[in-house]
């Protein structure tokens, strides 16, 4: 079955299919970079369990491989931490606001 027929069955424009196909190497590269960053975040979190996404992002000496411009986004770190099941320790007490009768 040809690509044109598959696109027609899936109700996808052919240009969208070719755009998706052309972006495959970039997606693979981004996934590899995310996997490497997740492992680095996991190592940092193992050293200090109290560090969350903001502190991991802000620490200059932690050795995270920053982007080409030397920065990494806190939201990216938070997304990778969520996906990897990595959580920082919360030092706060939980406040109970209502008591069931």
PDB file of N, CA and C in Angstrom:
ATOM      1  N   UNK A   1       0.857  -1.176   0.000  1.00  0.00           N
ATOM      2  CA  UNK A   1       0.000   0.000   0.000  1.00  0.00           C
ATOM      3  C   UNK A   1       0.899   1.233   0.000  1.00  0.00           C
ATOM      4  N   UNK A   2       0.581   2.170  -0.842  1.00  0.00           N
ATOM      5  CA  UNK A   2       1.406   3.362  -0.986  1.00  0.00           C
ATOM      6  C   UNK A   2       1.196   4.364   0.133  1.00  0.00           C
ATOM      7  N   UNK A   3       2.153   5.259   0.246  1.00  0.00           N
ATOM      8  CA  UNK A   3       2.079   6.296   1.283  1.00  0.00           C
ATOM      9  C   UNK A   3       0.862   7.185   1.087  1.00  0.00           C
ATOM     10  N   UNK A   4       0.544   7.459  -0.159  1.00  0.00           N
ATOM     11  CA  UNK A   4      -0.601   8.325  -0.437  1.00  0.00           C
ATOM     12  C   UNK A   4      -1.887   7.701   0.100  1.00  0.00           C
ATOM     13  N   UNK A   5      -2.029   6.405  -0.115  1.00  0.00           N
ATOM     14  CA  UNK A   5      -3.230   5.708   0.365  1.00  0.00           C
ATOM     15  C   UNK A   5      -3.256   5.668   1.887  1.00  0.00           C
ATOM     16  N   UNK A   6      -2.120   5.416   2.523  1.00  0.00           N
ATOM     17  CA  UNK A   6      -2.064   5.395   3.990  1.00  0.00           C
ATOM     18  C   UNK A   6      -2.413   6.760   4.572  1.00  0.00           C
ATOM     19  N   UNK A   7      -1.891   7.800   3.974  1.00  0.00           N
ATOM     20  CA  UNK A   7      -2.205   9.152   4.450  1.00  0.00           C
ATOM     21  C   UNK A   7      -3.691   9.436   4.299  1.00  0.00           C
ATOM     22  N   UNK A   8      -4.265   8.950   3.224  1.00  0.00           N
ATOM     23  CA  UNK A   8      -5.693   9.151   2.993  1.00  0.00           C
ATOM     24  C   UNK A   8      -6.517   8.403   4.036  1.00  0.00           C
ATOM     25  N   UNK A   9      -6.117   7.160   4.348  1.00  0.00           N
ATOM     26  CA  UNK A   9      -6.841   6.365   5.342  1.00  0.00           C
ATOM     27  C   UNK A   9      -6.731   6.969   6.741  1.00  0.00           C
ATOM     28  N   UNK A  10      -5.561   7.474   7.057  1.00  0.00           N
ATOM     29  CA  UNK A  10      -5.340   8.064   8.381  1.00  0.00           C
ATOM     30  C   UNK A  10      -5.777   9.518   8.470  1.00  0.00           C
ATOM     31  N   UNK A  11      -6.203  10.054   7.340  1.00  0.00           N
ATOM     32  CA  UNK A  11      -6.633  11.448   7.258  1.00  0.00           C
ATOM     33  C   UNK A  11      -5.525  12.403   7.705  1.00  0.00           C
ATOM     34  N   UNK A  12      -4.354  12.175   7.136  1.00  0.00           N
ATOM     35  CA  UNK A  12      -3.182  12.995   7.413  1.00  0.00           C
ATOM     36  C   UNK A  12      -2.698  13.549   6.078  1.00  0.00           C
ATOM     37  N   UNK A  13      -2.354  14.807   6.077  1.00  0.00           N
ATOM     38  CA  UNK A  13      -1.825  15.406   4.854  1.00  0.00           C
ATOM     39  C   UNK A  13      -0.457  14.804   4.535  1.00  0.00           C
ATOM     40  N   UNK A  14      -0.184  14.616   3.244  1.00  0.00           N
ATOM     41  CA  UNK A  14       1.102  14.052   2.855  1.00  0.00           C
ATOM     42  C   UNK A  14       2.257  14.944   3.298  1.00  0.00           C
ATOM     43  N   UNK A  15       2.056  16.243   3.263  1.00  0.00           N
ATOM     44  CA  UNK A  15       3.127  17.142   3.699  1.00  0.00           C
ATOM     45  C   UNK A  15       3.428  16.945   5.183  1.00  0.00           C
ATOM     46  N   UNK A  16       2.414  16.658   5.971  1.00  0.00           N
ATOM     47  CA  UNK A  16       2.633  16.397   7.399  1.00  0.00           C
ATOM     48  C   UNK A  16       3.423  15.118   7.599  1.00  0.00           C
ATOM     49  N   UNK A  17       3.115  14.096   6.801  1.00  0.00           N
ATOM     50  CA  UNK A  17       3.861  12.836   6.882  1.00  0.00           C
ATOM     51  C   UNK A  17       5.341  13.072   6.579  1.00  0.00           C
ATOM     52  N   UNK A  18       5.614  13.796   5.504  1.00  0.00           N
ATOM     53  CA  UNK A  18       7.007  14.023   5.127  1.00  0.00           C
ATOM     54  C   UNK A  18       7.713  14.930   6.132  1.00  0.00           C
ATOM     55  N   UNK A  19       7.006  15.862   6.726  1.00  0.00           N
ATOM     56  CA  UNK A  19       7.604  16.708   7.770  1.00  0.00           C
ATOM     57  C   UNK A  19       7.946  15.864   8.992  1.00  0.00           C
ATOM     58  N   UNK A  20       7.059  14.936   9.352  1.00  0.00           N
ATOM     59  CA  UNK A  20       7.312  14.039  10.483  1.00  0.00           C
ATOM     60  C   UNK A  20       8.514  13.142  10.192  1.00  0.00           C
ATOM     61  N   UNK A  21       8.564  12.625   8.977  1.00  0.00           N
ATOM     62  CA  UNK A  21       9.650  11.733   8.591  1.00  0.00           C
ATOM     63  C   UNK A  21      10.990  12.472   8.591  1.00  0.00           C
ATOM     64  N   UNK A  22      11.003  13.714   8.134  1.00  0.00           N
ATOM     65  CA  UNK A  22      12.237  14.491   8.098  1.00  0.00           C
ATOM     66  C   UNK A  22      12.711  14.862   9.502  1.00  0.00           C
ATOM     67  N   UNK A  23      11.802  14.934  10.467  1.00  0.00           N
ATOM     68  CA  UNK A  23      12.170  15.309  11.826  1.00  0.00           C
ATOM     69  C   UNK A  23      12.640  14.154  12.690  1.00  0.00           C
ATOM     70  N   UNK A  24      12.632  12.938  12.167  1.00  0.00           N
ATOM     71  CA  UNK A  24      13.016  11.765  12.957  1.00  0.00           C
ATOM     72  C   UNK A  24      14.440  11.856  13.520  1.00  0.00           C
ATOM     73  N   UNK A  25      15.448  12.265  12.759  1.00  0.00           N
ATOM     74  CA  UNK A  25      16.795  12.355  13.342  1.00  0.00           C
ATOM     75  C   UNK A  25      16.880  13.366  14.491  1.00  0.00           C
ATOM     76  N   UNK A  26      16.187  14.485  14.351  1.00  0.00           N
ATOM     77  CA  UNK A  26      16.200  15.481  15.431  1.00  0.00           C
ATOM     78  C   UNK A  26      15.531  14.943  16.682  1.00  0.00           C
ATOM     79  N   UNK A  27      14.433  14.201  16.512  1.00  0.00           N
ATOM     80  CA  UNK A  27      13.749  13.614  17.670  1.00  0.00           C
ATOM     81  C   UNK A  27      14.640  12.591  18.363  1.00  0.00           C
ATOM     82  N   UNK A  28      15.353  11.794  17.584  1.00  0.00           N
ATOM     83  CA  UNK A  28      16.254  10.797  18.162  1.00  0.00           C
ATOM     84  C   UNK A  28      17.398  11.470  18.915  1.00  0.00           C
ATOM     85  N   UNK A  29      17.934  12.534  18.351  1.00  0.00           N
ATOM     86  CA  UNK A  29      19.023  13.266  19.011  1.00  0.00           C
ATOM     87  C   UNK A  29      18.542  13.893  20.316  1.00  0.00           C
ATOM     88  N   UNK A  30      17.351  14.487  20.293  1.00  0.00           N
ATOM     89  CA  UNK A  30      16.788  15.095  21.495  1.00  0.00           C
ATOM     90  C   UNK A  30      16.520  14.039  22.562  1.00  0.00           C
ATOM     91  N   UNK A  31      16.027  12.861  22.150  1.00  0.00           N
ATOM     92  CA  UNK A  31      15.759  11.781  23.110  1.00  0.00           C
ATOM     93  C   UNK A  31      17.054  11.294  23.753  1.00  0.00           C
ATOM     94  N   UNK A  32      18.126  11.196  22.983  1.00  0.00           N
ATOM     95  CA  UNK A  32      19.421  10.780  23.532  1.00  0.00           C
ATOM     96  C   UNK A  32      19.950  11.820  24.517  1.00  0.00           C
ATOM     97  N   UNK A  33      19.810  13.097  24.174  1.00  0.00           N
ATOM     98  CA  UNK A  33      20.257  14.166  25.073  1.00  0.00           C
ATOM     99  C   UNK A  33      19.433  14.158  26.356  1.00  0.00           C
ATOM    100  N   UNK A  34      18.131  13.924  26.236  1.00  0.00           N
ATOM    101  CA  UNK A  34      17.272  13.857  27.421  1.00  0.00           C
ATOM    102  C   UNK A  34      17.648  12.673  28.307  1.00  0.00           C
ATOM    103  N   UNK A  35      17.977  11.532  27.701  1.00  0.00           N
ATOM    104  CA  UNK A  35      18.369  10.362  28.478  1.00  0.00           C
ATOM    105  C   UNK A  35      19.667  10.623  29.230  1.00  0.00           C
ATOM    106  N   UNK A  36      20.624  11.261  28.576  1.00  0.00           N
ATOM    107  CA  UNK A  36      21.896  11.577  29.236  1.00  0.00           C
ATOM    108  C   UNK A  36      21.683  12.573  30.376  1.00  0.00           C
ATOM    109  N   UNK A  37      20.841  13.567  30.143  1.00  0.00           N
ATOM    110  CA  UNK A  37      20.562  14.563  31.175  1.00  0.00           C
ATOM    111  C   UNK A  37      19.815  13.933  32.346  1.00  0.00           C
ATOM    112  N   UNK A  38      18.904  12.999  32.065  1.00  0.00           N
ATOM    113  CA  UNK A  38      18.171  12.318  33.130  1.00  0.00           C
ATOM    114  C   UNK A  38      19.123  11.531  34.019  1.00  0.00           C
ATOM    115  N   UNK A  39      20.092  10.862  33.429  1.00  0.00           N
ATOM    116  CA  UNK A  39      21.061  10.115  34.230  1.00  0.00           C
ATOM    117  C   UNK A  39      21.911  11.050  35.086  1.00  0.00           C
ATOM    118  N   UNK A  40      22.274  12.201  34.536  1.00  0.00           N
ATOM    119  CA  UNK A  40      23.055  13.184  35.315  1.00  0.00           C
ATOM    120  C   UNK A  40      22.212  13.741  36.468  1.00  0.00           C
ATOM    121  N   UNK A  41      20.937  14.003  36.204  1.00  0.00           N
ATOM    122  CA  UNK A  41      20.037  14.494  37.253  1.00  0.00           C
ATOM    123  C   UNK A  41      19.880  13.431  38.331  1.00  0.00           C
ATOM    124  N   UNK A  42      19.768  12.166  37.924  1.00  0.00           N
ATOM    125  CA  UNK A  42      19.640  11.066  38.881  1.00  0.00           C
ATOM    126  C   UNK A  42      20.874  10.985  39.785  1.00  0.00           C
ATOM    127  N   UNK A  43      22.058  11.193  39.207  1.00  0.00           N
ATOM    128  CA  UNK A  43      23.292  11.160  39.997  1.00  0.00           C
ATOM    129  C   UNK A  43      23.344  12.333  40.969  1.00  0.00           C
ATOM    130  N   UNK A  44      22.927  13.502  40.532  1.00  0.00           N
ATOM    131  CA  UNK A  44      22.910  14.676  41.403  1.00  0.00           C
ATOM    132  C   UNK A  44      21.908  14.476  42.531  1.00  0.00           C
ATOM    133  N   UNK A  45      20.746  13.929  42.208  1.00  0.00           N
ATOM    134  CA  UNK A  45      19.709  13.707  43.210  1.00  0.00           C
ATOM    135  C   UNK A  45      20.142  12.652  44.223  1.00  0.00           C
ATOM    136  N   UNK A  46      20.916  11.675  43.796  1.00  0.00           N
ATOM    137  CA  UNK A  46      21.401  10.654  44.724  1.00  0.00           C
ATOM    138  C   UNK A  46      22.374  11.265  45.728  1.00  0.00           C
ATOM    139  N   UNK A  47      23.112  12.283  45.316  1.00  0.00           N
ATOM    140  CA  UNK A  47      24.054  12.946  46.212  1.00  0.00           C
ATOM    141  C   UNK A  47      23.380  13.845  47.229  1.00  0.00           C
ATOM    142  N   UNK A  48      22.297  14.494  46.845  1.00  0.00           N
ATOM    143  CA  UNK A  48      21.571  15.398  47.736  1.00  0.00           C
ATOM    144  C   UNK A  48      20.088  15.264  47.422  1.00  0.00           C
ATOM    145  N   UNK A  49      19.367  14.484  48.218  1.00  0.00           N
ATOM    146  CA  UNK A  49      17.970  14.184  47.963  1.00  0.00           C
ATOM    147  C   UNK A  49      17.055  15.403  48.084  1.00  0.00           C
ATOM    148  N   UNK A  50      17.533  16.470  48.708  1.00  0.00           N
ATOM    149  CA  UNK A  50      16.691  17.651  48.920  1.00  0.00           C
ATOM    150  C   UNK A  50      16.646  18.562  47.700  1.00  0.00           C
ATOM    151  N   UNK A  51      17.387  18.234  46.662  1.00  0.00           N
ATOM    152  CA  UNK A  51      17.444  19.121  45.500  1.00  0.00           C
ATOM    153  C   UNK A  51      16.323  18.796  44.524  1.00  0.00           C
ATOM    154  N   UNK A  52      15.543  19.827  44.215  1.00  0.00           N
ATOM    155  CA  UNK A  52      14.492  19.701  43.223  1.00  0.00           C
ATOM    156  C   UNK A  52      14.940  20.332  41.917  1.00  0.00           C
ATOM    157  N   UNK A  53      14.004  20.506  41.013  1.00  0.00           N
ATOM    158  CA  UNK A  53      14.331  21.047  39.694  1.00  0.00           C
ATOM    159  C   UNK A  53      14.943  22.449  39.752  1.00  0.00           C
ATOM    160  N   UNK A  54      14.422  23.381  40.557  1.00  0.00           N
ATOM    161  CA  UNK A  54      15.036  24.714  40.576  1.00  0.00           C
ATOM    162  C   UNK A  54      16.486  24.708  41.063  1.00  0.00           C
ATOM    163  N   UNK A  55      16.768  23.937  42.103  1.00  0.00           N
ATOM    164  CA  UNK A  55      18.136  23.907  42.634  1.00  0.00           C
ATOM    165  C   UNK A  55      19.081  23.155  41.721  1.00  0.00           C
ATOM    166  N   UNK A  56      18.611  22.083  41.095  1.00  0.00           N
ATOM    167  CA  UNK A  56      19.459  21.344  40.160  1.00  0.00           C
ATOM    168  C   UNK A  56      19.802  22.234  38.971  1.00  0.00           C
ATOM    169  N   UNK A  57      18.825  23.004  38.506  1.00  0.00           N
ATOM    170  CA  UNK A  57      19.057  23.896  37.371  1.00  0.00           C
ATOM    171  C   UNK A  57      20.002  25.031  37.748  1.00  0.00           C
ATOM    172  N   UNK A  58      19.874  25.556  38.964  1.00  0.00           N
ATOM    173  CA  UNK A  58      20.630  26.739  39.369  1.00  0.00           C
ATOM    174  C   UNK A  58      22.060  26.431  39.794  1.00  0.00           C
ATOM    175  N   UNK A  59      22.341  25.218  40.222  1.00  0.00           N
ATOM    176  CA  UNK A  59      23.670  24.893  40.719  1.00  0.00           C
ATOM    177  C   UNK A  59      24.694  24.924  39.587  1.00  0.00           C
ATOM    178  N   UNK A  60      25.649  25.856  39.631  1.00  0.00           N
ATOM    179  CA  UNK A  60      26.631  25.941  38.549  1.00  0.00           C
ATOM    180  C   UNK A  60      27.697  24.859  38.617  1.00  0.00           C
ATOM    181  N   UNK A  61      28.004  24.363  39.790  1.00  0.00           N
ATOM    182  CA  UNK A  61      29.096  23.407  39.935  1.00  0.00           C
ATOM    183  C   UNK A  61      28.672  21.964  39.877  1.00  0.00           C
ATOM    184  N   UNK A  62      27.444  21.687  39.496  1.00  0.00           N
ATOM    185  CA  UNK A  62      26.966  20.316  39.530  1.00  0.00           C
ATOM    186  C   UNK A  62      27.363  19.505  38.305  1.00  0.00           C
ATOM    187  N   UNK A  63      27.866  20.145  37.289  1.00  0.00           N
ATOM    188  CA  UNK A  63      28.358  19.412  36.142  1.00  0.00           C
ATOM    189  C   UNK A  63      27.305  19.013  35.135  1.00  0.00           C
ATOM    190  N   UNK A  64      26.129  19.619  35.188  1.00  0.00           N
ATOM    191  CA  UNK A  64      25.127  19.342  34.167  1.00  0.00           C
ATOM    192  C   UNK A  64      25.636  19.923  32.861  1.00  0.00           C
ATOM    193  N   UNK A  65      25.569  19.128  31.832  1.00  0.00           N
ATOM    194  CA  UNK A  65      25.991  19.602  30.516  1.00  0.00           C
ATOM    195  C   UNK A  65      24.962  20.610  30.019  1.00  0.00           C
ATOM    196  N   UNK A  66      25.293  21.863  30.115  1.00  0.00           N
ATOM    197  CA  UNK A  66      24.381  22.933  29.703  1.00  0.00           C
ATOM    198  C   UNK A  66      24.279  22.964  28.188  1.00  0.00           C
ATOM    199  N   UNK A  67      23.314  23.698  27.689  1.00  0.00           N
ATOM    200  CA  UNK A  67      23.137  23.820  26.245  1.00  0.00           C
ATOM    201  C   UNK A  67      24.288  24.568  25.603  1.00  0.00           C
ATOM    202  N   UNK A  68      24.181  24.811  24.324  1.00  0.00           N
ATOM    203  CA  UNK A  68      25.261  25.477  23.601  1.00  0.00           C
ATOM    204  C   UNK A  68      25.492  26.892  24.114  1.00  0.00           C
ATOM    205  N   UNK A  69      24.429  27.507  24.673  1.00  0.00           N
ATOM    206  CA  UNK A  69      24.584  28.857  25.202  1.00  0.00           C
ATOM    207  C   UNK A  69      24.855  28.854  26.710  1.00  0.00           C
ATOM    208  N   UNK A  70      25.058  27.673  27.291  1.00  0.00           N
ATOM    209  CA  UNK A  70      25.411  27.588  28.703  1.00  0.00           C
ATOM    210  C   UNK A  70      24.227  27.557  29.643  1.00  0.00           C
ATOM    211  N   UNK A  71      23.016  27.475  29.117  1.00  0.00           N
ATOM    212  CA  UNK A  71      21.832  27.471  29.977  1.00  0.00           C
ATOM    213  C   UNK A  71      21.017  26.206  29.745  1.00  0.00           C
ATOM    214  N   UNK A  72      20.251  25.855  30.769  1.00  0.00           N
ATOM    215  CA  UNK A  72      19.311  24.748  30.648  1.00  0.00           C
ATOM    216  C   UNK A  72      18.021  25.198  31.326  1.00  0.00           C
ATOM    217  N   UNK A  73      16.898  24.824  30.774  1.00  0.00           N
ATOM    218  CA  UNK A  73      15.616  25.300  31.248  1.00  0.00           C
ATOM    219  C   UNK A  73      15.148  24.493  32.462  1.00  0.00           C
ATOM    220  N   UNK A  74      14.646  25.186  33.479  1.00  0.00           N
ATOM    221  CA  UNK A  74      14.122  24.525  34.677  1.00  0.00           C
ATOM    222  C   UNK A  74      12.957  23.620  34.334  1.00  0.00           C
ATOM    223  N   UNK A  75      12.132  24.038  33.369  1.00  0.00           N
ATOM    224  CA  UNK A  75      10.977  23.229  32.989  1.00  0.00           C
ATOM    225  C   UNK A  75      11.406  21.914  32.345  1.00  0.00           C
ATOM    226  N   UNK A  76      12.502  21.943  31.607  1.00  0.00           N
ATOM    227  CA  UNK A  76      13.006  20.708  31.013  1.00  0.00           C
ATOM    228  C   UNK A  76      13.494  19.766  32.099  1.00  0.00           C
ATOM    229  N   UNK A  77      14.220  20.309  33.078  1.00  0.00           N
ATOM    230  CA  UNK A  77      14.691  19.493  34.194  1.00  0.00           C
ATOM    231  C   UNK A  77      13.506  18.918  34.953  1.00  0.00           C
ATOM    232  N   UNK A  78      12.474  19.735  35.195  1.00  0.00           N
ATOM    233  CA  UNK A  78      11.289  19.255  35.906  1.00  0.00           C
ATOM    234  C   UNK A  78      10.581  18.158  35.115  1.00  0.00           C
ATOM    235  N   UNK A  79      10.474  18.322  33.800  1.00  0.00           N
ATOM    236  CA  UNK A  79       9.816  17.317  32.959  1.00  0.00           C
ATOM    237  C   UNK A  79      10.581  15.999  33.007  1.00  0.00           C
ATOM    238  N   UNK A  80      11.902  16.067  32.915  1.00  0.00           N
ATOM    239  CA  UNK A  80      12.705  14.852  32.951  1.00  0.00           C
ATOM    240  C   UNK A  80      12.657  14.191  34.325  1.00  0.00           C
ATOM    241  N   UNK A  81      12.593  15.005  35.372  1.00  0.00           N
ATOM    242  CA  UNK A  81      12.482  14.439  36.716  1.00  0.00           C
ATOM    243  C   UNK A  81      11.143  13.720  36.884  1.00  0.00           C
ATOM    244  N   UNK A  82      10.065  14.325  36.385  1.00  0.00           N
ATOM    245  CA  UNK A  82       8.755  13.662  36.461  1.00  0.00           C
ATOM    246  C   UNK A  82       8.754  12.357  35.683  1.00  0.00           C
ATOM    247  N   UNK A  83       9.292  12.397  34.467  1.00  0.00           N
ATOM    248  CA  UNK A  83       9.302  11.207  33.619  1.00  0.00           C
ATOM    249  C   UNK A  83      10.174  10.102  34.217  1.00  0.00           C
ATOM    250  N   UNK A  84      11.248  10.476  34.894  1.00  0.00           N
ATOM    251  CA  UNK A  84      12.157   9.501  35.488  1.00  0.00           C
ATOM    252  C   UNK A  84      11.792   9.089  36.895  1.00  0.00           C
ATOM    253  N   UNK A  85      10.730   9.681  37.450  1.00  0.00           N
ATOM    254  CA  UNK A  85      10.321   9.340  38.810  1.00  0.00           C
ATOM    255  C   UNK A  85      11.293   9.859  39.861  1.00  0.00           C
ATOM    256  N   UNK A  86      11.975  10.942  39.568  1.00  0.00           N
ATOM    257  CA  UNK A  86      12.947  11.534  40.485  1.00  0.00           C
ATOM    258  C   UNK A  86      12.252  12.670  41.228  1.00  0.00           C
ATOM    259  N   UNK A  87      12.276  12.616  42.550  1.00  0.00           N
ATOM    260  CA  UNK A  87      11.628  13.659  43.344  1.00  0.00           C
ATOM    261  C   UNK A  87      12.605  14.180  44.389  1.00  0.00           C
ATOM    262  N   UNK A  88      12.472  15.447  44.696  1.00  0.00           N
ATOM    263  CA  UNK A  88      13.252  16.043  45.764  1.00  0.00           C
ATOM    264  C   UNK A  88      12.518  15.868  47.087  1.00  0.00           C
ATOM    265  N   UNK A  89      13.271  15.829  48.166  1.00  0.00           N
ATOM    266  CA  UNK A  89      12.693  15.664  49.490  1.00  0.00           C
ATOM    267  C   UNK A  89      12.069  16.978  49.935  1.00  0.00           C
ATOM    268  N   UNK A  90      10.840  16.914  50.445  1.00  0.00           N
ATOM    269  CA  UNK A  90      10.176  18.119  50.964  1.00  0.00           C
ATOM    270  C   UNK A  90      10.387  18.193  52.458  1.00  0.00           C
ATOM    271  N   UNK A  91      10.922  19.296  52.907  1.00  0.00           N
ATOM    272  CA  UNK A  91      11.244  19.460  54.315  1.00  0.00           C
ATOM    273  C   UNK A  91      10.109  20.105  55.100  1.00  0.00           C
ATOM    274  N   UNK A  92       8.982  20.339  54.441  1.00  0.00           N
ATOM    275  CA  UNK A  92       7.871  21.030  55.101  1.00  0.00           C
ATOM    276  C   UNK A  92       6.874  20.037  55.679  1.00  0.00           C
ATOM    277  N   UNK A  93       6.238  20.457  56.755  1.00  0.00           N
ATOM    278  CA  UNK A  93       5.143  19.683  57.308  1.00  0.00           C
ATOM    279  C   UNK A  93       3.915  19.924  56.474  1.00  0.00           C
ATOM    280  N   UNK A  94       3.105  18.955  56.336  1.00  0.00           N
ATOM    281  CA  UNK A  94       1.856  19.122  55.601  1.00  0.00           C
ATOM    282  C   UNK A  94       0.827  19.740  56.526  1.00  0.00           C
ATOM    283  N   UNK A  95       0.179  20.804  56.070  1.00  0.00           N
ATOM    284  CA  UNK A  95      -0.794  21.516  56.877  1.00  0.00           C
ATOM    285  C   UNK A  95      -2.165  20.914  56.609  1.00  0.00           C
ATOM    286  N   UNK A  96      -2.842  20.569  57.676  1.00  0.00           N
ATOM    287  CA  UNK A  96      -4.183  20.001  57.566  1.00  0.00           C
ATOM    288  C   UNK A  96      -5.173  21.122  57.739  1.00  0.00           C
ATOM    289  N   UNK A  97      -5.953  21.421  56.694  1.00  0.00           N
ATOM    290  CA  UNK A  97      -6.846  22.567  56.744  1.00  0.00           C
ATOM    291  C   UNK A  97      -8.264  22.200  57.130  1.00  0.00           C
ATOM    292  N   UNK A  98      -8.664  20.969  56.870  1.00  0.00           N
ATOM    293  CA  UNK A  98     -10.018  20.543  57.255  1.00  0.00           C
ATOM    294  C   UNK A  98      -9.942  19.220  57.976  1.00  0.00           C
ATOM    295  N   UNK A  99     -10.872  19.036  58.894  1.00  0.00           N
ATOM    296  CA  UNK A  99     -10.945  17.790  59.647  1.00  0.00           C
ATOM    297  C   UNK A  99     -12.307  17.168  59.378  1.00  0.00           C
ATOM    298  N   UNK A 100     -12.333  15.934  58.845  1.00  0.00           N
ATOM    299  CA  UNK A 100     -13.638  15.332  58.585  1.00  0.00           C
ATOM    300  C   UNK A 100     -14.376  15.025  59.873  1.00  0.00           C
ATOM    301  N   UNK A 101     -15.688  15.163  59.844  1.00  0.00           N
ATOM    302  CA  UNK A 101     -16.489  14.886  61.060  1.00  0.00           C
ATOM    303  C   UNK A 101     -16.770  13.418  61.216  1.00  0.00           C
TER     304      UNK A 101
END
